[in-house]
Amino acid sequence: MILSFFQIDAFSSVPFSGNPAAVYPLQNWLPDAQLQAIAMEHQLAETAFFVQTGSTYELRWFSPETEVDLCGHATLATAHVLYNELGVKRKLLKFYTRSGTLTVQQTADGLMMDFPLIPLEKFTGDRQALTMALGLEQTPVSIWQADDILVELSSQTKVAKLEPNMQALAQIPTRGVIVTALSKSSNIDFISRFFGPRVGVNEDAVTGSAHTKLAPFWAEKLGKNTLKAKQISKRGGELSLEVKGERVFITGQAVGFSRGESKVPNV
């Protein structure tokens, strides 16, 4: 069985930055084990698979280790493929996912995704184990939790210098750990990094889904509903954010890097 795929750099306008994702348009769903094996073979943070159903799309995301409930950069990459590689002219793309119905539309600033806002609660886990796994010498400003743990530090420099113990961090019961601080730049509100060794991604380049927590967190702290964010991984990437009620609108750019075919064994 031959399957076509595209590799897209999301949250960037130039190749070799942002977050790469593989995107597979499928005629029908393959067994979960095959989807997981394909994602493992690509060894990217996420591989997206979609099946068209009329004017909408069923969309799923897989890390090298597991299927995930929500992925921003691979959704952005999928929308880029539909608009720029497959010639879809529809103004609004509608995706049915494990996190409900998500939409993406083209704007002057890039592709805008409509995602659910994820509220945070005070962290109730083992603070000492978490801070030691992150390699922190001082107590964080605050720690919060949802499906990810959010750790606020006092400066961008401290976030940039983090060198977590990935083996220890993988023992923390969470999808991933977001570490964030105010930005030193006048045109960026806050910065972040995302560590997810538990799901097979030691450090993610740019994590759209993390900003469903980061956006409302910083909107409340800064008293503003529109924000500019930067994920300061090695590749890096920027996002424009708007908090509206229980939704977070995440806008970013994407660029195609490669396309190819995979030879997948029949089952």
Protein backbone atom coordinates (compact mmCIF):
# COMPACT_ATOMS: atom_id res chain seq x y z
CA MET A 1 0.00 0.00 0.00
CA ILE A 2 1.41 3.37 -1.08
CA LEU A 3 0.37 6.46 0.91
CA SER A 4 1.23 10.05 -0.01
CA PHE A 5 2.34 12.45 2.70
CA PHE A 6 3.49 16.04 3.13
CA GLN A 7 5.98 17.42 5.66
CA ILE A 8 5.13 20.94 6.79
CA ASP A 9 6.97 23.37 9.07
CA ALA A 10 4.24 24.94 11.20
CA PHE A 11 4.38 28.27 13.04
CA SER A 12 7.03 29.51 10.62
CA SER A 13 7.18 31.20 7.22
CA VAL A 14 10.55 29.68 6.30
CA PRO A 15 11.79 26.07 6.26
CA PHE A 16 14.01 24.66 9.02
CA SER A 17 12.21 26.52 11.79
CA GLY A 18 8.85 26.16 13.51
CA ASN A 19 7.56 22.66 14.23
CA PRO A 20 7.61 19.97 11.52
CA ALA A 21 4.65 17.63 11.10
CA ALA A 22 3.87 14.89 8.61
CA VAL A 23 0.36 15.01 7.14
CA TYR A 24 -1.35 12.01 5.53
CA PRO A 25 -4.57 12.42 3.50
CA LEU A 26 -6.37 9.06 3.71
CA GLN A 27 -9.29 7.62 1.75
CA ASN A 28 -10.41 5.70 4.84
CA TRP A 29 -9.05 4.94 8.29
CA LEU A 30 -6.29 2.41 8.73
CA PRO A 31 -5.98 0.27 11.89
CA ASP A 32 -4.67 2.24 14.86
CA ALA A 33 -1.55 0.06 15.02
CA GLN A 34 -0.64 1.08 11.46
CA LEU A 35 -1.19 4.76 12.17
CA GLN A 36 1.01 4.52 15.24
CA ALA A 37 3.70 2.64 13.32
CA ILE A 38 3.77 5.32 10.62
CA ALA A 39 4.12 8.06 13.26
CA MET A 40 6.93 6.10 14.92
CA GLU A 41 8.70 5.80 11.58
CA HIS A 42 8.58 9.54 10.94
CA GLN A 43 9.93 10.35 14.43
CA LEU A 44 8.38 13.82 14.36
CA ALA A 45 6.59 15.37 17.30
CA GLU A 46 3.28 14.67 15.58
CA THR A 47 1.98 12.98 12.46
CA ALA A 48 -1.54 13.96 11.36
CA PHE A 49 -3.99 11.77 9.48
CA PHE A 50 -7.27 12.98 8.01
CA VAL A 51 -10.21 11.51 6.14
CA GLN A 52 -12.66 13.74 4.24
CA THR A 53 -16.34 13.20 5.00
CA GLY A 54 -18.37 15.44 2.69
CA SER A 55 -17.33 19.04 3.33
CA THR A 56 -15.63 18.25 6.68
CA TYR A 57 -12.66 16.22 7.86
CA GLU A 58 -11.96 13.68 10.56
CA LEU A 59 -8.52 14.45 12.01
CA ARG A 60 -6.25 12.46 14.32
CA TRP A 61 -2.74 13.10 15.64
CA PHE A 62 -0.04 10.64 16.74
CA SER A 63 3.25 11.26 18.49
CA PRO A 64 5.92 8.55 18.07
CA GLU A 65 4.54 6.89 21.20
CA THR A 66 0.79 7.51 21.38
CA GLU A 67 -2.33 9.14 19.95
CA VAL A 68 -2.89 12.59 21.44
CA ASP A 69 -6.10 14.45 22.19
CA LEU A 70 -5.11 17.83 20.77
CA CYS A 71 -2.28 19.11 18.58
CA GLY A 72 -1.98 22.66 17.29
CA HIS A 73 0.99 22.55 14.94
CA ALA A 74 -0.20 19.41 13.12
CA THR A 75 -3.66 20.96 12.71
CA LEU A 76 -2.03 24.06 11.23
CA ALA A 77 0.04 21.80 8.97
CA THR A 78 -3.08 19.91 7.84
CA ALA A 79 -4.87 23.15 6.96
CA HIS A 80 -1.80 24.27 5.00
CA VAL A 81 -1.87 21.01 3.03
CA LEU A 82 -5.57 21.36 2.23
CA TYR A 83 -5.27 24.99 1.12
CA ASN A 84 -1.87 24.97 -0.57
CA GLU A 85 -1.22 21.41 -1.73
CA LEU A 86 -4.69 19.99 -2.40
CA GLY A 87 -6.33 23.18 -3.69
CA VAL A 88 -9.27 23.38 -1.28
CA LYS A 89 -11.10 26.72 -1.76
CA ARG A 90 -13.40 26.47 1.27
CA LYS A 91 -13.12 29.56 3.50
CA LEU A 92 -13.56 27.60 6.73
CA LEU A 93 -12.13 24.15 7.35
CA LYS A 94 -13.98 22.05 9.90
CA PHE A 95 -12.25 19.15 11.68
CA TYR A 96 -13.85 16.52 13.91
CA THR A 97 -11.32 15.44 16.55
CA ARG A 98 -10.95 13.88 20.00
CA SER A 99 -11.15 17.46 21.35
CA GLY A 100 -14.40 18.28 19.61
CA THR A 101 -14.97 20.31 16.46
CA LEU A 102 -12.05 22.56 15.50
CA THR A 103 -12.03 25.10 12.68
CA VAL A 104 -9.27 26.81 10.70
CA GLN A 105 -9.55 29.75 8.34
CA GLN A 106 -7.20 31.89 6.30
CA THR A 107 -6.51 35.43 7.50
CA ALA A 108 -4.13 38.20 6.47
CA ASP A 109 -1.77 37.12 9.27
CA GLY A 110 -1.83 33.38 8.59
CA LEU A 111 -4.04 30.43 9.45
CA MET A 112 -6.30 30.99 12.45
CA MET A 113 -7.33 27.97 14.52
CA ASP A 114 -10.33 27.99 16.86
CA PHE A 115 -9.42 25.81 19.86
CA PRO A 116 -11.05 25.15 23.24
CA LEU A 117 -9.67 27.12 26.21
CA ILE A 118 -8.24 24.75 28.81
CA PRO A 119 -8.58 26.13 32.38
CA LEU A 120 -5.80 25.61 34.89
CA GLU A 121 -5.95 24.55 38.53
CA LYS A 122 -3.34 24.84 41.25
CA PHE A 123 -0.79 22.05 41.06
CA THR A 124 -1.40 19.28 43.60
CA GLY A 125 1.41 16.90 42.66
CA ASP A 126 4.94 16.41 43.94
CA ARG A 127 6.54 19.87 43.67
CA GLN A 128 9.96 18.65 44.73
CA ALA A 129 10.07 15.87 42.14
CA LEU A 130 8.96 18.31 39.43
CA THR A 131 11.46 21.04 40.28
CA MET A 132 14.30 18.52 40.55
CA ALA A 133 13.38 16.94 37.20
CA LEU A 134 13.43 20.39 35.58
CA GLY A 135 16.81 21.13 37.13
CA LEU A 136 15.53 24.24 38.91
CA GLU A 137 17.68 25.75 41.64
CA GLN A 138 14.95 28.11 42.87
CA THR A 139 11.25 27.68 43.59
CA PRO A 140 9.04 28.57 40.58
CA VAL A 141 6.82 31.65 40.75
CA SER A 142 3.78 29.36 40.41
CA ILE A 143 2.79 25.88 39.25
CA TRP A 144 -0.52 24.95 37.62
CA GLN A 145 -2.05 21.85 36.08
CA ALA A 146 -4.49 20.60 33.48
CA ASP A 147 -3.60 17.86 30.97
CA ASP A 148 -0.17 19.54 31.05
CA ILE A 149 1.66 21.11 33.98
CA LEU A 150 2.45 24.82 33.63
CA VAL A 151 5.48 26.18 35.50
CA GLU A 152 5.96 29.96 35.69
CA LEU A 153 9.52 31.22 36.18
CA SER A 154 10.70 34.72 37.02
CA SER A 155 12.65 35.41 33.83
CA GLN A 156 13.10 34.41 30.20
CA THR A 157 16.77 33.73 30.90
CA LYS A 158 15.88 31.04 33.44
CA VAL A 159 13.53 29.37 30.95
CA ALA A 160 16.17 29.47 28.22
CA LYS A 161 18.84 27.91 30.44
CA LEU A 162 16.75 24.93 31.59
CA GLU A 163 18.30 21.50 31.05
CA PRO A 164 15.73 19.02 32.39
CA ASN A 165 16.46 15.44 33.33
CA MET A 166 14.22 13.82 30.71
CA GLN A 167 14.23 10.41 32.39
CA ALA A 168 13.02 11.95 35.64
CA LEU A 169 10.56 14.23 33.86
CA ALA A 170 9.01 11.23 32.10
CA GLN A 171 8.01 9.89 35.52
CA ILE A 172 5.80 12.93 36.22
CA PRO A 173 2.15 11.91 35.50
CA THR A 174 1.29 14.45 32.82
CA ARG A 175 1.23 14.75 29.03
CA GLY A 176 3.91 17.45 29.15
CA VAL A 177 5.44 20.28 31.16
CA ILE A 178 5.17 23.88 29.94
CA VAL A 179 7.70 26.34 31.34
CA THR A 180 6.95 30.02 30.76
CA ALA A 181 7.95 33.59 31.67
CA LEU A 182 7.44 37.15 30.53
CA SER A 183 9.30 38.03 27.33
CA LYS A 184 12.31 40.34 27.25
CA SER A 185 11.18 41.57 23.80
CA SER A 186 8.85 44.54 23.46
CA ASN A 187 6.83 42.91 20.67
CA ILE A 188 6.36 39.52 22.39
CA ASP A 189 4.26 39.17 25.56
CA PHE A 190 5.54 35.84 26.88
CA ILE A 191 7.82 32.95 26.00
CA SER A 192 7.66 29.23 26.71
CA ARG A 193 9.24 25.82 26.27
CA PHE A 194 7.45 22.45 26.24
CA PHE A 195 8.85 19.12 27.42
CA GLY A 196 6.98 15.88 26.72
CA PRO A 197 9.26 12.87 27.23
CA ARG A 198 6.30 10.87 28.53
CA VAL A 199 4.73 10.96 25.04
CA GLY A 200 8.01 10.53 23.16
CA VAL A 201 8.89 14.20 22.57
CA ASN A 202 11.70 15.42 24.82
CA GLU A 203 11.29 19.05 23.75
CA ASP A 204 8.65 20.15 21.29
CA ALA A 205 9.61 22.91 18.86
CA VAL A 206 6.31 24.85 18.93
CA THR A 207 3.27 23.53 20.79
CA GLY A 208 -0.04 25.01 19.69
CA SER A 209 -2.08 23.00 22.20
CA ALA A 210 0.02 24.31 25.11
CA HIS A 211 -1.21 27.79 24.25
CA THR A 212 -4.78 26.79 25.05
CA LYS A 213 -3.49 27.00 28.64
CA LEU A 214 -0.84 29.69 28.20
CA ALA A 215 -3.15 32.19 26.48
CA PRO A 216 -5.77 32.45 29.27
CA PHE A 217 -3.03 32.31 31.93
CA TRP A 218 -1.18 35.32 30.52
CA ALA A 219 -4.35 37.12 29.42
CA GLU A 220 -5.46 37.23 33.06
CA LYS A 221 -2.01 38.20 34.38
CA LEU A 222 -1.47 40.93 31.79
CA GLY A 223 -5.08 42.16 31.55
CA LYS A 224 -5.29 41.77 27.77
CA ASN A 225 -7.03 39.28 25.51
CA THR A 226 -4.76 39.55 22.46
CA LEU A 227 -1.20 38.33 22.90
CA LYS A 228 1.98 37.57 21.00
CA ALA A 229 3.91 34.49 22.06
CA LYS A 230 7.19 32.81 21.17
CA GLN A 231 8.31 29.29 21.92
CA ILE A 232 12.07 29.49 22.42
CA SER A 233 13.07 25.98 21.40
CA LYS A 234 16.10 25.49 19.15
CA ARG A 235 13.90 25.85 16.04
CA GLY A 236 11.56 28.40 17.59
CA GLY A 237 8.24 29.78 16.42
CA GLU A 238 5.77 32.61 16.98
CA LEU A 239 2.01 32.63 17.60
CA SER A 240 -0.68 35.28 17.71
CA LEU A 241 -3.35 34.57 20.32
CA GLU A 242 -6.80 35.85 21.19
CA VAL A 243 -8.93 34.71 24.12
CA LYS A 244 -12.70 34.90 23.53
CA GLY A 245 -14.91 33.36 26.18
CA GLU A 246 -14.12 29.64 26.33
CA ARG A 247 -12.14 29.63 23.06
CA VAL A 248 -8.56 30.47 22.12
CA PHE A 249 -7.82 31.63 18.58
CA ILE A 250 -4.28 30.69 17.56
CA THR A 251 -2.83 32.19 14.38
CA GLY A 252 0.39 31.11 12.72
CA GLN A 253 2.04 30.57 9.39
CA ALA A 254 3.25 27.36 7.79
CA VAL A 255 5.50 26.38 4.90
CA GLY A 256 5.85 23.17 2.94
CA PHE A 257 9.19 21.37 3.19
CA SER A 258 8.76 18.05 1.37
CA ARG A 259 6.32 15.52 0.00
CA GLY A 260 6.68 11.83 -0.59
CA GLU A 261 5.24 8.34 -0.49
CA SER A 262 5.31 5.71 2.21
CA LYS A 263 5.24 1.98 1.53
CA VAL A 264 2.98 0.67 4.26
CA PRO A 265 2.52 -3.13 4.66
CA ASN A 266 -1.04 -4.35 4.24
CA VAL A 267 -2.64 -5.92 7.31
